[in-house]
Structure formats: structure tokens, C-alpha cells
Amino acid sequence: MSGMSSEQFMQRVADFIDRFERTLPATPSAVDWNSTFAARWSMEGQRCQLRPLQVSLSLRLDDLVGVDRQKQLLQSNTGQFVRGLPANNALLWGARGTGKSSLVRALLSEYAQAGMRLIEVDKADLVHLSALLPLLAGQPWRFVLFCDDLAFEADDSGYKALKTVLDGTVEASPENILLYATSNRRHLLPEHNSDNLSARQVDGEIHPGEAIEEKIALSDRFGLWVSFYPFSQEHYLAVVQKWLGQLAGEYGLQWQWDEQLQLEALRWATGRGNRNGRCAYQFARSWVGRQLLGN
């Protein structure tokens, strides 16, 4: 520049670089997995990073009522995994609010001391999983990558990224990593009546069309399917009583299950238009809070 010495020019360049570096996110320190039980893999600035999470390990498997079959399946699979034995990636699918995510959190409470660690991955960040796997490979911990409420549209970029993680590439995925996902969709993709138009009959057997084959291809890559179903009235009321007992016990509240309380719980569910574990928990919190206020 005219009238500027080389020393002044270099100083201006250095000042610019300094200002630019201040706008960049701080480089995260390595996660201390000895004291950190869960983290989130998420985009920070121009790259994904692991951010430690403060989690409570208070939710136990015994707190989940009416899902004994689902607990047994996933507990067995997770127990194999943390012991270094063969285990499967798992898809927990079914009606909303029925305990899918709670079961995964309860498993962390069960196996954290045995070396299990949980890493939450949002669907939007699945495309960056290839950068996460090398950070975890070879570590003594057993990592469960957790994708909650997972669903894709046909052109989602994360769809292919997830297939790669489940299948592996030429280089196998690290043996200390499993993927657990929850979804309201069994096949993770929307299904339409038009998908059936390409089905054909060969030698008396019906063969699905390419659209259906593509939709089931991803869920087929999960070695374990765990299905959850809408609550019956009896199941819902049992969960209500479980949460009432736990919350009332925390606050020293005396209570008794009777027809009036049962009616209140059913009216709550009717007003919400759903009977599930989330609804039961919300009723219990509302009722216990109101009793403590004297209402």
C-alpha cells in the first residue's frame, strides 16, 4: 500500500488475524470420561464438537412400568455391549410418550459405573459422524450414540450418513460404539400408498417395489428392533401410581389411591387426548404440586 512500510503492513495483517480468531468458538478441552457420563455431538461454529452434559442418574429401570419385555431386550443387549461381547445397534420405535427415551436414560444409570457413556447426536449432525468415530475408537469406555426422535425425508443427507455408520465402510466401525435410535416410524421414512403401486407378483409371491425396499433398507440395518405400543387404561393408571408414589415420597406427602384420584387421572388423559407415560408423569407432577400448595 502507498505510504505504508512493510512493518506497518504486517502489523495490520496480524491485528486482522487476531480479531478474526476472537470470533471463532473456543477450542474445547478433551472430555474427561472418568467424570462425564454423557455428552452432545453438535455443530459449534464451523465444526462439530463434543460438549459434556450434566445428567442425573436417578432414573432407574425399575421406575419404568409396563415395559418389561422392552427392558429385558435392551438391558440384555446393553449388558453384552459393556462387557465387550457382541451386541446390536437398536431401533426403539412406536407410539410417542411410551418410554423409549426414558429406557435409554435408565440404561445409562444402570451401566455408567460399568463403563457405558452416552453421546447424543441430533439428526442434523449425523452427516458429521465420520469425524466423531476416530475420537472414540480405542478408548476404554463403551459409547452408545443416541439419536432421539429420528425420522427422515427421502432426500435427507443424514440418511446416507446413518447407513454408513450402521453398515461400516471398508474400515469397520469401532467395536466400542453402538447406535441406539428412537422413532415413531418403524422404517424411519414416511410411507405412502403410492409406494405400493410398483409391487409385482412373481410365481405367486408379492415382491415389494423399489420405493418400499428403500424405505425398509435403513431399519433393517438395526440388529435389534424394540417396539412400544399405546398404553391401555390399566397400564396408564399403573404408571400414574408409580410417579405419584415417587414424587410424593420426595416431598414427604401423604397420599392414598382412591376412585376420586383415579377419575382425576383419567380426566387429565382425556384432556390431553392421549394415555402414555409422559402424560402420567405430567399429571403426577401437577397433582403433587397442587396438594403441596393446599389446593
C-alpha atoms as a PDB file:
ATOM      1  CA  MET A   1       0.000   0.000   0.000  1.00  0.00           C
ATOM      2  CA  SER A   2       1.163   3.517  -0.815  1.00  0.00           C
ATOM      3  CA  GLY A   3       2.871   5.235   2.120  1.00  0.00           C
ATOM      4  CA  MET A   4       2.859   2.099   4.323  1.00  0.00           C
ATOM      5  CA  SER A   5       6.046   0.333   5.335  1.00  0.00           C
ATOM      6  CA  SER A   6       6.313  -3.441   5.258  1.00  0.00           C
ATOM      7  CA  GLU A   7       6.401  -3.459   9.077  1.00  0.00           C
ATOM      8  CA  GLN A   8       3.137  -1.481   9.279  1.00  0.00           C
ATOM      9  CA  PHE A   9       1.503  -3.737   6.723  1.00  0.00           C
ATOM     10  CA  MET A  10       2.463  -6.900   8.625  1.00  0.00           C
ATOM     11  CA  GLN A  11       1.184  -5.348  11.854  1.00  0.00           C
ATOM     12  CA  ARG A  12      -2.198  -4.665  10.228  1.00  0.00           C
ATOM     13  CA  VAL A  13      -2.331  -8.261   8.983  1.00  0.00           C
ATOM     14  CA  ALA A  14      -1.523  -9.542  12.483  1.00  0.00           C
ATOM     15  CA  ASP A  15      -4.237  -7.305  14.002  1.00  0.00           C
ATOM     16  CA  PHE A  16      -6.791  -8.602  11.486  1.00  0.00           C
ATOM     17  CA  ILE A  17      -5.919 -12.236  12.211  1.00  0.00           C
ATOM     18  CA  ASP A  18      -6.167 -11.552  15.947  1.00  0.00           C
ATOM     19  CA  ARG A  19      -9.651 -10.020  15.585  1.00  0.00           C
ATOM     20  CA  PHE A  20     -10.770 -12.900  13.366  1.00  0.00           C
ATOM     21  CA  GLU A  21      -9.572 -15.554  15.820  1.00  0.00           C
ATOM     22  CA  ARG A  22     -11.591 -13.907  18.584  1.00  0.00           C
ATOM     23  CA  THR A  23     -14.781 -14.588  16.612  1.00  0.00           C
ATOM     24  CA  LEU A  24     -14.042 -18.317  16.416  1.00  0.00           C
ATOM     25  CA  PRO A  25     -15.500 -20.668  19.059  1.00  0.00           C
ATOM     26  CA  ALA A  26     -13.084 -21.664  21.773  1.00  0.00           C
ATOM     27  CA  THR A  27     -11.303 -24.924  21.192  1.00  0.00           C
ATOM     28  CA  PRO A  28     -12.993 -27.397  23.534  1.00  0.00           C
ATOM     29  CA  SER A  29     -10.938 -29.332  26.012  1.00  0.00           C
ATOM     30  CA  ALA A  30     -10.982 -33.106  25.759  1.00  0.00           C
ATOM     31  CA  VAL A  31     -13.923 -34.701  27.571  1.00  0.00           C
ATOM     32  CA  ASP A  32     -12.934 -36.345  30.839  1.00  0.00           C
ATOM     33  CA  TRP A  33     -14.962 -39.537  30.588  1.00  0.00           C
ATOM     34  CA  ASN A  34     -13.964 -40.514  34.128  1.00  0.00           C
ATOM     35  CA  SER A  35     -16.349 -37.890  35.487  1.00  0.00           C
ATOM     36  CA  THR A  36     -18.564 -37.259  32.429  1.00  0.00           C
ATOM     37  CA  PHE A  37     -21.287 -39.785  31.715  1.00  0.00           C
ATOM     38  CA  ALA A  38     -22.921 -38.075  28.733  1.00  0.00           C
ATOM     39  CA  ALA A  39     -22.054 -35.545  26.042  1.00  0.00           C
ATOM     40  CA  ARG A  40     -23.604 -33.983  22.955  1.00  0.00           C
ATOM     41  CA  TRP A  41     -22.057 -34.046  19.482  1.00  0.00           C
ATOM     42  CA  SER A  42     -23.162 -30.787  17.889  1.00  0.00           C
ATOM     43  CA  MET A  43     -22.094 -28.073  15.497  1.00  0.00           C
ATOM     44  CA  GLU A  44     -20.085 -25.249  17.062  1.00  0.00           C
ATOM     45  CA  GLY A  45     -19.115 -22.638  14.513  1.00  0.00           C
ATOM     46  CA  GLN A  46     -17.694 -24.473  11.529  1.00  0.00           C
ATOM     47  CA  ARG A  47     -17.187 -27.873  13.130  1.00  0.00           C
ATOM     48  CA  CYS A  48     -18.839 -30.434  15.373  1.00  0.00           C
ATOM     49  CA  GLN A  49     -17.564 -30.802  18.917  1.00  0.00           C
ATOM     50  CA  LEU A  50     -18.256 -32.902  21.990  1.00  0.00           C
ATOM     51  CA  ARG A  51     -19.878 -30.917  24.779  1.00  0.00           C
ATOM     52  CA  PRO A  52     -20.161 -32.541  28.241  1.00  0.00           C
ATOM     53  CA  LEU A  53     -23.684 -32.758  29.687  1.00  0.00           C
ATOM     54  CA  GLN A  54     -24.703 -32.593  33.313  1.00  0.00           C
ATOM     55  CA  VAL A  55     -27.014 -35.585  33.693  1.00  0.00           C
ATOM     56  CA  SER A  56     -28.817 -37.159  36.606  1.00  0.00           C
ATOM     57  CA  LEU A  57     -28.518 -40.895  37.098  1.00  0.00           C
ATOM     58  CA  SER A  58     -31.639 -41.026  39.269  1.00  0.00           C
ATOM     59  CA  LEU A  59     -33.929 -42.671  36.699  1.00  0.00           C
ATOM     60  CA  ARG A  60     -33.772 -46.425  37.248  1.00  0.00           C
ATOM     61  CA  LEU A  61     -35.049 -49.327  35.191  1.00  0.00           C
ATOM     62  CA  ASP A  62     -37.483 -50.201  37.995  1.00  0.00           C
ATOM     63  CA  ASP A  63     -39.108 -46.789  37.530  1.00  0.00           C
ATOM     64  CA  LEU A  64     -40.407 -47.853  34.111  1.00  0.00           C
ATOM     65  CA  VAL A  65     -43.695 -49.713  34.492  1.00  0.00           C
ATOM     66  CA  GLY A  66     -45.417 -51.942  31.947  1.00  0.00           C
ATOM     67  CA  VAL A  67     -42.492 -52.251  29.519  1.00  0.00           C
ATOM     68  CA  ASP A  68     -40.869 -55.351  30.967  1.00  0.00           C
ATOM     69  CA  ARG A  69     -40.330 -57.037  27.597  1.00  0.00           C
ATOM     70  CA  GLN A  70     -38.684 -53.929  26.152  1.00  0.00           C
ATOM     71  CA  LYS A  71     -36.486 -53.519  29.229  1.00  0.00           C
ATOM     72  CA  GLN A  72     -35.345 -57.136  29.061  1.00  0.00           C
ATOM     73  CA  LEU A  73     -34.426 -56.897  25.382  1.00  0.00           C
ATOM     74  CA  LEU A  74     -32.424 -53.699  25.614  1.00  0.00           C
ATOM     75  CA  GLN A  75     -30.883 -54.452  29.002  1.00  0.00           C
ATOM     76  CA  SER A  76     -29.586 -57.774  27.700  1.00  0.00           C
ATOM     77  CA  ASN A  77     -28.154 -56.135  24.576  1.00  0.00           C
ATOM     78  CA  THR A  78     -26.537 -53.316  26.565  1.00  0.00           C
ATOM     79  CA  GLY A  79     -25.135 -55.724  29.134  1.00  0.00           C
ATOM     80  CA  GLN A  80     -23.431 -57.666  26.373  1.00  0.00           C
ATOM     81  CA  PHE A  81     -22.015 -54.478  24.913  1.00  0.00           C
ATOM     82  CA  VAL A  82     -20.491 -53.071  28.107  1.00  0.00           C
ATOM     83  CA  ARG A  83     -18.837 -56.456  28.764  1.00  0.00           C
ATOM     84  CA  GLY A  84     -17.145 -56.352  25.371  1.00  0.00           C
ATOM     85  CA  LEU A  85     -19.392 -59.066  23.904  1.00  0.00           C
ATOM     86  CA  PRO A  86     -21.175 -58.962  20.523  1.00  0.00           C
ATOM     87  CA  ALA A  87     -24.257 -56.713  20.577  1.00  0.00           C
ATOM     88  CA  ASN A  88     -26.554 -54.968  18.091  1.00  0.00           C
ATOM     89  CA  ASN A  89     -27.473 -51.430  17.158  1.00  0.00           C
ATOM     90  CA  ALA A  90     -31.047 -50.909  18.330  1.00  0.00           C
ATOM     91  CA  LEU A  91     -34.111 -49.100  16.992  1.00  0.00           C
ATOM     92  CA  LEU A  92     -36.771 -48.278  19.579  1.00  0.00           C
ATOM     93  CA  TRP A  93     -39.940 -47.430  17.679  1.00  0.00           C
ATOM     94  CA  GLY A  94     -43.588 -46.912  18.474  1.00  0.00           C
ATOM     95  CA  ALA A  95     -46.160 -44.591  19.993  1.00  0.00           C
ATOM     96  CA  ARG A  96     -44.941 -41.301  21.456  1.00  0.00           C
ATOM     97  CA  GLY A  97     -44.517 -40.918  25.191  1.00  0.00           C
ATOM     98  CA  THR A  98     -44.317 -44.657  25.864  1.00  0.00           C
ATOM     99  CA  GLY A  99     -40.856 -44.719  27.438  1.00  0.00           C
ATOM    100  CA  LYS A 100     -38.401 -45.114  24.556  1.00  0.00           C
ATOM    101  CA  SER A 101     -36.055 -42.274  25.531  1.00  0.00           C
ATOM    102  CA  SER A 102     -36.549 -42.925  29.245  1.00  0.00           C
ATOM    103  CA  LEU A 103     -35.395 -46.505  28.779  1.00  0.00           C
ATOM    104  CA  VAL A 104     -32.119 -45.366  27.223  1.00  0.00           C
ATOM    105  CA  ARG A 105     -31.531 -42.872  30.054  1.00  0.00           C
ATOM    106  CA  ALA A 106     -32.295 -45.556  32.634  1.00  0.00           C
ATOM    107  CA  LEU A 107     -29.748 -47.850  30.977  1.00  0.00           C
ATOM    108  CA  LEU A 108     -27.107 -45.155  31.432  1.00  0.00           C
ATOM    109  CA  SER A 109     -27.905 -45.119  35.152  1.00  0.00           C
ATOM    110  CA  GLU A 110     -27.630 -48.906  35.201  1.00  0.00           C
ATOM    111  CA  TYR A 111     -24.330 -49.230  33.347  1.00  0.00           C
ATOM    112  CA  ALA A 112     -22.458 -45.940  33.877  1.00  0.00           C
ATOM    113  CA  GLN A 113     -20.253 -47.490  36.549  1.00  0.00           C
ATOM    114  CA  ALA A 114     -19.538 -50.408  34.197  1.00  0.00           C
ATOM    115  CA  GLY A 115     -18.123 -48.031  31.575  1.00  0.00           C
ATOM    116  CA  MET A 116     -21.127 -47.048  29.457  1.00  0.00           C
ATOM    117  CA  ARG A 117     -21.133 -43.478  28.165  1.00  0.00           C
ATOM    118  CA  LEU A 118     -23.913 -41.771  26.195  1.00  0.00           C
ATOM    119  CA  ILE A 119     -23.426 -39.329  23.322  1.00  0.00           C
ATOM    120  CA  GLU A 120     -26.487 -37.503  21.995  1.00  0.00           C
ATOM    121  CA  VAL A 121     -26.449 -36.856  18.254  1.00  0.00           C
ATOM    122  CA  ASP A 122     -29.092 -34.712  16.577  1.00  0.00           C
ATOM    123  CA  LYS A 123     -30.325 -35.805  13.163  1.00  0.00           C
ATOM    124  CA  ALA A 124     -28.810 -32.689  11.564  1.00  0.00           C
ATOM    125  CA  ASP A 125     -25.358 -33.673  12.834  1.00  0.00           C
ATOM    126  CA  LEU A 126     -25.394 -37.256  11.572  1.00  0.00           C
ATOM    127  CA  VAL A 127     -23.507 -36.134   8.483  1.00  0.00           C
ATOM    128  CA  HIS A 128     -20.540 -35.359  10.752  1.00  0.00           C
ATOM    129  CA  LEU A 129     -20.397 -38.755  12.463  1.00  0.00           C
ATOM    130  CA  SER A 130     -17.345 -39.765  10.457  1.00  0.00           C
ATOM    131  CA  ALA A 131     -15.383 -37.133  12.416  1.00  0.00           C
ATOM    132  CA  LEU A 132     -16.654 -38.435  15.770  1.00  0.00           C
ATOM    133  CA  LEU A 133     -15.817 -42.122  15.429  1.00  0.00           C
ATOM    134  CA  PRO A 134     -11.998 -41.683  15.431  1.00  0.00           C
ATOM    135  CA  LEU A 135     -12.274 -39.655  18.661  1.00  0.00           C
ATOM    136  CA  LEU A 136     -13.887 -42.614  20.417  1.00  0.00           C
ATOM    137  CA  ALA A 137     -12.044 -45.539  18.880  1.00  0.00           C
ATOM    138  CA  GLY A 138      -9.604 -47.301  21.165  1.00  0.00           C
ATOM    139  CA  GLN A 139     -10.864 -45.695  24.374  1.00  0.00           C
ATOM    140  CA  PRO A 140     -11.707 -47.971  27.318  1.00  0.00           C
ATOM    141  CA  TRP A 141     -15.286 -46.694  27.513  1.00  0.00           C
ATOM    142  CA  ARG A 142     -18.310 -48.227  25.788  1.00  0.00           C
ATOM    143  CA  PHE A 143     -20.097 -45.475  23.859  1.00  0.00           C
ATOM    144  CA  VAL A 144     -23.780 -45.520  22.922  1.00  0.00           C
ATOM    145  CA  LEU A 145     -24.594 -42.924  20.271  1.00  0.00           C
ATOM    146  CA  PHE A 146     -28.175 -41.839  20.961  1.00  0.00           C
ATOM    147  CA  CYS A 147     -30.384 -40.351  18.224  1.00  0.00           C
ATOM    148  CA  ASP A 148     -33.727 -39.362  19.726  1.00  0.00           C
ATOM    149  CA  ASP A 149     -36.944 -38.929  17.754  1.00  0.00           C
ATOM    150  CA  LEU A 150     -35.294 -39.910  14.490  1.00  0.00           C
ATOM    151  CA  ALA A 151     -37.156 -39.608  11.183  1.00  0.00           C
ATOM    152  CA  PHE A 152     -36.067 -38.789   7.670  1.00  0.00           C
ATOM    153  CA  GLU A 153     -37.448 -37.414   4.470  1.00  0.00           C
ATOM    154  CA  ALA A 154     -36.406 -39.167   1.282  1.00  0.00           C
ATOM    155  CA  ASP A 155     -33.689 -36.631   0.408  1.00  0.00           C
ATOM    156  CA  ASP A 156     -32.181 -36.185   3.905  1.00  0.00           C
ATOM    157  CA  SER A 157     -28.392 -36.085   3.853  1.00  0.00           C
ATOM    158  CA  GLY A 158     -28.265 -37.724   7.264  1.00  0.00           C
ATOM    159  CA  TYR A 159     -29.990 -40.804   5.856  1.00  0.00           C
ATOM    160  CA  LYS A 160     -26.944 -41.982   3.918  1.00  0.00           C
ATOM    161  CA  ALA A 161     -24.592 -40.998   6.724  1.00  0.00           C
ATOM    162  CA  LEU A 162     -26.506 -43.199   9.144  1.00  0.00           C
ATOM    163  CA  LYS A 163     -26.485 -46.109   6.714  1.00  0.00           C
ATOM    164  CA  THR A 164     -22.710 -45.808   6.503  1.00  0.00           C
ATOM    165  CA  VAL A 165     -22.332 -45.922  10.288  1.00  0.00           C
ATOM    166  CA  LEU A 166     -24.625 -48.932  10.604  1.00  0.00           C
ATOM    167  CA  ASP A 167     -23.013 -50.837   7.749  1.00  0.00           C
ATOM    168  CA  GLY A 168     -19.467 -49.622   8.175  1.00  0.00           C
ATOM    169  CA  THR A 169     -17.223 -48.919   5.224  1.00  0.00           C
ATOM    170  CA  VAL A 170     -14.071 -50.688   4.095  1.00  0.00           C
ATOM    171  CA  GLU A 171     -12.816 -49.777   7.574  1.00  0.00           C
ATOM    172  CA  ALA A 172     -15.075 -51.348  10.217  1.00  0.00           C
ATOM    173  CA  SER A 173     -16.757 -49.134  12.826  1.00  0.00           C
ATOM    174  CA  PRO A 174     -15.028 -49.150  16.231  1.00  0.00           C
ATOM    175  CA  GLU A 175     -16.079 -52.082  18.400  1.00  0.00           C
ATOM    176  CA  ASN A 176     -16.696 -49.828  21.431  1.00  0.00           C
ATOM    177  CA  ILE A 177     -19.553 -47.939  19.733  1.00  0.00           C
ATOM    178  CA  LEU A 178     -23.240 -48.812  19.351  1.00  0.00           C
ATOM    179  CA  LEU A 179     -26.112 -46.746  17.978  1.00  0.00           C
ATOM    180  CA  TYR A 180     -29.493 -46.539  19.724  1.00  0.00           C
ATOM    181  CA  ALA A 181     -32.241 -44.568  17.982  1.00  0.00           C
ATOM    182  CA  THR A 182     -35.851 -43.824  18.863  1.00  0.00           C
ATOM    183  CA  SER A 183     -38.555 -43.088  16.331  1.00  0.00           C
ATOM    184  CA  ASN A 184     -42.310 -43.004  15.895  1.00  0.00           C
ATOM    185  CA  ARG A 185     -41.769 -44.604  12.476  1.00  0.00           C
ATOM    186  CA  ARG A 186     -40.817 -48.233  12.173  1.00  0.00           C
ATOM    187  CA  HIS A 187     -38.869 -47.650   8.970  1.00  0.00           C
ATOM    188  CA  LEU A 188     -37.745 -44.066   9.788  1.00  0.00           C
ATOM    189  CA  LEU A 189     -39.103 -42.778   6.460  1.00  0.00           C
ATOM    190  CA  PRO A 190     -42.628 -41.643   5.533  1.00  0.00           C
ATOM    191  CA  GLU A 191     -44.713 -44.331   3.846  1.00  0.00           C
ATOM    192  CA  HIS A 192     -47.320 -43.567   1.195  1.00  0.00           C
ATOM    193  CA  ASN A 193     -49.971 -45.614  -0.566  1.00  0.00           C
ATOM    194  CA  SER A 194     -48.292 -44.801  -3.868  1.00  0.00           C
ATOM    195  CA  ASP A 195     -45.243 -46.807  -2.760  1.00  0.00           C
ATOM    196  CA  ASN A 196     -47.258 -49.977  -3.258  1.00  0.00           C
ATOM    197  CA  LEU A 197     -48.016 -49.278  -6.915  1.00  0.00           C
ATOM    198  CA  SER A 198     -44.690 -50.725  -8.043  1.00  0.00           C
ATOM    199  CA  ALA A 199     -45.160 -54.029  -6.218  1.00  0.00           C
ATOM    200  CA  ARG A 200     -45.268 -57.040  -8.514  1.00  0.00           C
ATOM    201  CA  GLN A 201     -46.229 -60.685  -8.337  1.00  0.00           C
ATOM    202  CA  VAL A 202     -43.658 -63.321  -9.308  1.00  0.00           C
ATOM    203  CA  ASP A 203     -44.509 -67.040  -9.187  1.00  0.00           C
ATOM    204  CA  GLY A 204     -47.456 -66.305  -6.957  1.00  0.00           C
ATOM    205  CA  GLU A 205     -45.413 -64.243  -4.481  1.00  0.00           C
ATOM    206  CA  ILE A 206     -45.700 -60.485  -3.944  1.00  0.00           C
ATOM    207  CA  HIS A 207     -42.390 -58.616  -4.255  1.00  0.00           C
ATOM    208  CA  PRO A 208     -42.209 -55.057  -2.875  1.00  0.00           C
ATOM    209  CA  GLY A 209     -41.327 -52.257  -5.239  1.00  0.00           C
ATOM    210  CA  GLU A 210     -38.093 -50.301  -5.139  1.00  0.00           C
ATOM    211  CA  ALA A 211     -39.656 -47.467  -3.116  1.00  0.00           C
ATOM    212  CA  ILE A 212     -40.643 -49.827  -0.300  1.00  0.00           C
ATOM    213  CA  GLU A 213     -37.327 -51.659  -0.456  1.00  0.00           C
ATOM    214  CA  GLU A 214     -35.502 -48.349   0.003  1.00  0.00           C
ATOM    215  CA  LYS A 215     -37.666 -47.395   2.974  1.00  0.00           C
ATOM    216  CA  ILE A 216     -37.061 -50.617   4.884  1.00  0.00           C
ATOM    217  CA  ALA A 217     -33.366 -50.783   3.970  1.00  0.00           C
ATOM    218  CA  LEU A 218     -32.289 -48.450   6.787  1.00  0.00           C
ATOM    219  CA  SER A 219     -34.303 -50.010   9.609  1.00  0.00           C
ATOM    220  CA  ASP A 220     -33.119 -53.447   8.502  1.00  0.00           C
ATOM    221  CA  ARG A 221     -29.599 -52.375   9.405  1.00  0.00           C
ATOM    222  CA  PHE A 222     -30.532 -52.230  13.083  1.00  0.00           C
ATOM    223  CA  GLY A 223     -29.949 -55.676  14.522  1.00  0.00           C
ATOM    224  CA  LEU A 224     -32.477 -55.155  17.320  1.00  0.00           C
ATOM    225  CA  TRP A 225     -35.985 -53.757  16.974  1.00  0.00           C
ATOM    226  CA  VAL A 226     -37.820 -52.890  20.198  1.00  0.00           C
ATOM    227  CA  SER A 227     -41.453 -51.946  19.721  1.00  0.00           C
ATOM    228  CA  PHE A 228     -43.574 -49.779  22.051  1.00  0.00           C
ATOM    229  CA  TYR A 229     -47.360 -49.637  21.959  1.00  0.00           C
ATOM    230  CA  PRO A 230     -50.051 -47.225  23.191  1.00  0.00           C
ATOM    231  CA  PHE A 231     -50.986 -47.654  26.849  1.00  0.00           C
ATOM    232  CA  SER A 232     -54.141 -49.379  27.931  1.00  0.00           C
ATOM    233  CA  GLN A 233     -56.112 -47.639  30.675  1.00  0.00           C
ATOM    234  CA  GLU A 234     -54.785 -50.122  33.227  1.00  0.00           C
ATOM    235  CA  HIS A 235     -51.195 -49.519  32.123  1.00  0.00           C
ATOM    236  CA  TYR A 236     -51.642 -45.755  32.242  1.00  0.00           C
ATOM    237  CA  LEU A 237     -53.079 -45.825  35.774  1.00  0.00           C
ATOM    238  CA  ALA A 238     -50.273 -48.084  36.976  1.00  0.00           C
ATOM    239  CA  VAL A 239     -47.716 -45.556  35.695  1.00  0.00           C
ATOM    240  CA  VAL A 240     -49.642 -42.710  37.344  1.00  0.00           C
ATOM    241  CA  GLN A 241     -49.462 -44.507  40.684  1.00  0.00           C
ATOM    242  CA  LYS A 242     -45.747 -45.176  40.233  1.00  0.00           C
ATOM    243  CA  TRP A 243     -44.975 -41.491  39.648  1.00  0.00           C
ATOM    244  CA  LEU A 244     -47.338 -40.315  42.407  1.00  0.00           C
ATOM    245  CA  GLY A 245     -45.569 -42.589  44.873  1.00  0.00           C
ATOM    246  CA  GLN A 246     -42.128 -41.410  43.836  1.00  0.00           C
ATOM    247  CA  LEU A 247     -42.881 -37.680  43.743  1.00  0.00           C
ATOM    248  CA  ALA A 248     -44.963 -37.719  46.929  1.00  0.00           C
ATOM    249  CA  GLY A 249     -42.159 -39.589  48.682  1.00  0.00           C
ATOM    250  CA  GLU A 250     -39.628 -36.951  47.660  1.00  0.00           C
ATOM    251  CA  TYR A 251     -41.709 -34.239  49.355  1.00  0.00           C
ATOM    252  CA  GLY A 252     -42.987 -36.264  52.306  1.00  0.00           C
ATOM    253  CA  LEU A 253     -46.586 -36.001  51.083  1.00  0.00           C
ATOM    254  CA  GLN A 254     -49.100 -38.488  52.426  1.00  0.00           C
ATOM    255  CA  TRP A 255     -51.496 -39.761  49.756  1.00  0.00           C
ATOM    256  CA  GLN A 256     -53.888 -42.597  49.031  1.00  0.00           C
ATOM    257  CA  TRP A 257     -55.111 -44.005  45.743  1.00  0.00           C
ATOM    258  CA  ASP A 258     -58.896 -43.900  45.511  1.00  0.00           C
ATOM    259  CA  GLU A 259     -61.685 -43.581  42.976  1.00  0.00           C
ATOM    260  CA  GLN A 260     -61.576 -39.778  43.019  1.00  0.00           C
ATOM    261  CA  LEU A 261     -57.842 -39.680  42.285  1.00  0.00           C
ATOM    262  CA  GLN A 262     -58.264 -42.279  39.554  1.00  0.00           C
ATOM    263  CA  LEU A 263     -61.024 -40.188  37.985  1.00  0.00           C
ATOM    264  CA  GLU A 264     -58.792 -37.108  38.033  1.00  0.00           C
ATOM    265  CA  ALA A 265     -56.021 -39.036  36.311  1.00  0.00           C
ATOM    266  CA  LEU A 266     -58.379 -40.282  33.600  1.00  0.00           C
ATOM    267  CA  ARG A 267     -59.803 -36.812  33.026  1.00  0.00           C
ATOM    268  CA  TRP A 268     -56.270 -35.472  32.669  1.00  0.00           C
ATOM    269  CA  ALA A 269     -55.522 -38.049  29.985  1.00  0.00           C
ATOM    270  CA  THR A 270     -58.795 -37.326  28.193  1.00  0.00           C
ATOM    271  CA  GLY A 271     -57.960 -33.638  28.123  1.00  0.00           C
ATOM    272  CA  ARG A 272     -54.548 -34.417  26.650  1.00  0.00           C
ATOM    273  CA  GLY A 273     -56.038 -36.790  24.101  1.00  0.00           C
ATOM    274  CA  ASN A 274     -53.528 -39.488  24.971  1.00  0.00           C
ATOM    275  CA  ARG A 275     -52.677 -42.118  27.561  1.00  0.00           C
ATOM    276  CA  ASN A 276     -48.938 -42.608  27.868  1.00  0.00           C
ATOM    277  CA  GLY A 277     -46.050 -42.388  30.309  1.00  0.00           C
ATOM    278  CA  ARG A 278     -45.364 -38.729  29.619  1.00  0.00           C
ATOM    279  CA  CYS A 279     -48.989 -37.858  30.320  1.00  0.00           C
ATOM    280  CA  ALA A 280     -48.908 -39.898  33.558  1.00  0.00           C
ATOM    281  CA  TYR A 281     -45.756 -38.106  34.731  1.00  0.00           C
ATOM    282  CA  GLN A 282     -47.221 -34.686  33.958  1.00  0.00           C
ATOM    283  CA  PHE A 283     -50.411 -35.490  35.880  1.00  0.00           C
ATOM    284  CA  ALA A 284     -48.426 -36.708  38.881  1.00  0.00           C
ATOM    285  CA  ARG A 285     -46.345 -33.514  38.950  1.00  0.00           C
ATOM    286  CA  SER A 286     -49.465 -31.362  38.693  1.00  0.00           C
ATOM    287  CA  TRP A 287     -51.363 -33.248  41.397  1.00  0.00           C
ATOM    288  CA  VAL A 288     -48.469 -33.417  43.869  1.00  0.00           C
ATOM    289  CA  GLY A 289     -47.715 -29.716  43.343  1.00  0.00           C
ATOM    290  CA  ARG A 290     -51.318 -28.761  43.957  1.00  0.00           C
ATOM    291  CA  GLN A 291     -51.502 -30.860  47.141  1.00  0.00           C
ATOM    292  CA  LEU A 292     -48.356 -29.239  48.489  1.00  0.00           C
ATOM    293  CA  LEU A 293     -49.919 -25.811  47.889  1.00  0.00           C
ATOM    294  CA  GLY A 294     -53.055 -26.902  49.697  1.00  0.00           C
ATOM    295  CA  ASN A 295     -55.205 -26.898  46.583  1.00  0.00           C
END
